[in-house]
Protein backbone atom coordinates (compact mmCIF):
# COMPACT_ATOMS: atom_id res chain seq x y z
CA PHE A 1 -4.20 0.34 16.74
CA GLU A 2 -7.73 -0.25 18.17
CA LYS A 3 -8.05 3.29 19.57
CA TYR A 4 -6.33 5.24 16.75
CA ASN A 5 -8.63 6.48 14.14
CA ILE A 6 -7.02 8.58 11.23
CA LYS A 7 -10.01 8.44 8.93
CA LYS A 8 -11.03 11.98 8.11
CA ALA A 9 -14.70 13.00 7.73
CA ASN A 10 -15.90 12.88 4.19
CA ASP A 11 -12.70 11.18 3.02
CA THR A 12 -13.10 8.24 0.77
CA ALA A 13 -9.41 7.84 -0.09
CA GLU A 14 -7.57 5.26 2.04
CA ASP A 15 -3.91 5.51 3.09
CA PHE A 16 -4.20 2.12 4.79
CA VAL A 17 -6.36 -1.10 4.54
CA VAL A 18 -6.51 -3.83 7.06
CA GLN A 19 -7.15 -7.35 5.68
CA ASP A 20 -6.29 -10.69 7.15
CA ASN A 21 -4.35 -9.21 10.02
CA LEU A 22 -2.22 -7.27 7.64
CA LEU A 23 -2.22 -3.47 7.49
CA TYR A 24 -1.41 -2.19 3.98
CA PHE A 25 -0.22 1.40 3.86
CA TYR A 26 1.41 3.83 1.44
CA LEU A 27 3.96 6.71 1.89
CA ALA A 28 2.50 9.36 -0.41
CA GLU A 29 5.46 11.45 -1.06
CA GLN A 30 8.03 8.58 -1.04
CA LEU A 31 6.01 6.69 -3.65
CA LYS A 32 6.21 3.47 -1.71
CA PHE A 33 3.78 0.94 -0.10
CA GLY A 34 4.28 -1.42 2.63
CA ILE A 35 2.68 -4.20 4.65
CA LEU A 36 2.69 -4.50 8.44
CA ASP A 37 1.62 -7.81 10.27
CA ILE A 38 -0.55 -6.43 13.03
CA ASN A 39 -0.04 -9.49 15.19
CA THR A 40 3.72 -9.47 15.39
CA LYS A 41 3.92 -5.65 14.71
CA GLU A 42 6.65 -6.29 12.09
CA ILE A 43 6.73 -4.58 8.77
CA ILE A 44 7.03 -7.48 6.44
CA TYR A 45 7.18 -5.68 3.03
CA ILE A 46 8.29 -2.25 1.79
CA SER A 47 8.15 -1.55 -1.95
CA GLU A 48 10.76 0.10 -4.01
CA PRO A 49 9.58 3.57 -5.21
CA ILE A 50 6.72 3.21 -7.69
CA ALA A 51 7.70 4.42 -11.10
CA VAL A 52 5.47 7.42 -12.06
CA VAL A 53 5.45 9.98 -14.77
CA GLU A 54 6.46 13.30 -13.51
CA ARG A 55 4.72 16.47 -14.69
CA ASP A 56 6.25 19.88 -14.95
CA ASP A 57 3.14 21.49 -13.41
CA SER A 58 2.80 19.26 -10.31
CA PHE A 59 4.54 16.88 -7.80
CA THR A 60 3.29 13.23 -8.13
CA GLN A 61 2.27 11.42 -5.08
CA LEU A 62 0.14 8.43 -4.16
CA LYS A 63 -3.37 9.21 -3.22
CA ASP A 64 -5.45 6.10 -2.71
CA LEU A 65 -5.05 2.32 -1.99
CA LYS A 66 -7.35 -0.65 -2.32
CA VAL A 67 -6.53 -4.38 -1.55
CA SER A 68 -8.21 -7.42 -3.02
CA GLU A 69 -7.53 -11.07 -2.36
CA ASN A 70 -4.36 -11.19 -4.47
CA LYS A 71 -3.81 -7.66 -5.70
CA VAL A 72 -2.83 -4.20 -4.35
CA TYR A 73 -4.15 -1.13 -6.31
CA ILE A 74 -2.63 2.23 -5.82
CA LEU A 75 -3.76 5.40 -7.48
CA ASP A 76 -1.37 8.34 -7.95
CA SER A 77 -2.24 12.05 -8.25
CA ASN A 78 -1.86 11.81 -12.04
CA ASN A 79 -4.83 9.40 -12.00
CA THR A 80 -2.61 6.49 -12.91
CA LEU A 81 -3.60 3.10 -11.43
CA HIS A 82 -0.65 0.90 -10.42
CA ILE A 83 -1.50 -2.75 -9.87
CA PHE A 84 0.60 -5.16 -7.89
CA GLU A 85 -0.03 -8.87 -7.89
CA ARG A 86 0.84 -10.98 -4.85
CA GLU A 87 2.58 -14.17 -5.98
CA LYS A 88 3.22 -15.70 -2.67
CA LEU A 89 2.63 -15.15 1.00
CA ASN A 90 4.02 -17.70 3.40
CA PHE A 91 4.82 -16.78 6.92
CA GLU A 92 5.33 -20.26 8.38
CA LEU A 93 8.20 -21.18 6.12
CA GLY A 94 9.78 -17.77 6.36
CA GLY A 95 8.74 -16.80 2.88
CA ILE A 96 8.59 -13.22 1.65
CA LEU A 97 6.03 -11.17 -0.19
CA ASN A 98 6.62 -10.94 -3.86
CA PHE A 99 4.82 -8.36 -5.88
CA GLU A 100 5.00 -7.76 -9.59
CA PHE A 101 4.08 -4.58 -11.34
């Protein structure tokens, strides 16, 4: 991961964010996001497809991702902001990530 740079010049959108040894990413066309533990290299969460409003004139996909301390923000190509709240994150006890829409 250290040597791989996928950031494009003049691109402010993020398809991944690293925070607290977790890599948050999205799959634009599959309408899903996931979380990878960069220490164990395990995917610890993959969302169900995000519900979006389809339009007749375009194909909706995810286009931006931001992460705060307890929320994940995902913007789609219809400019709808989807906000997911992290309820619990507990690796030592074998807990799972729970997100609510």
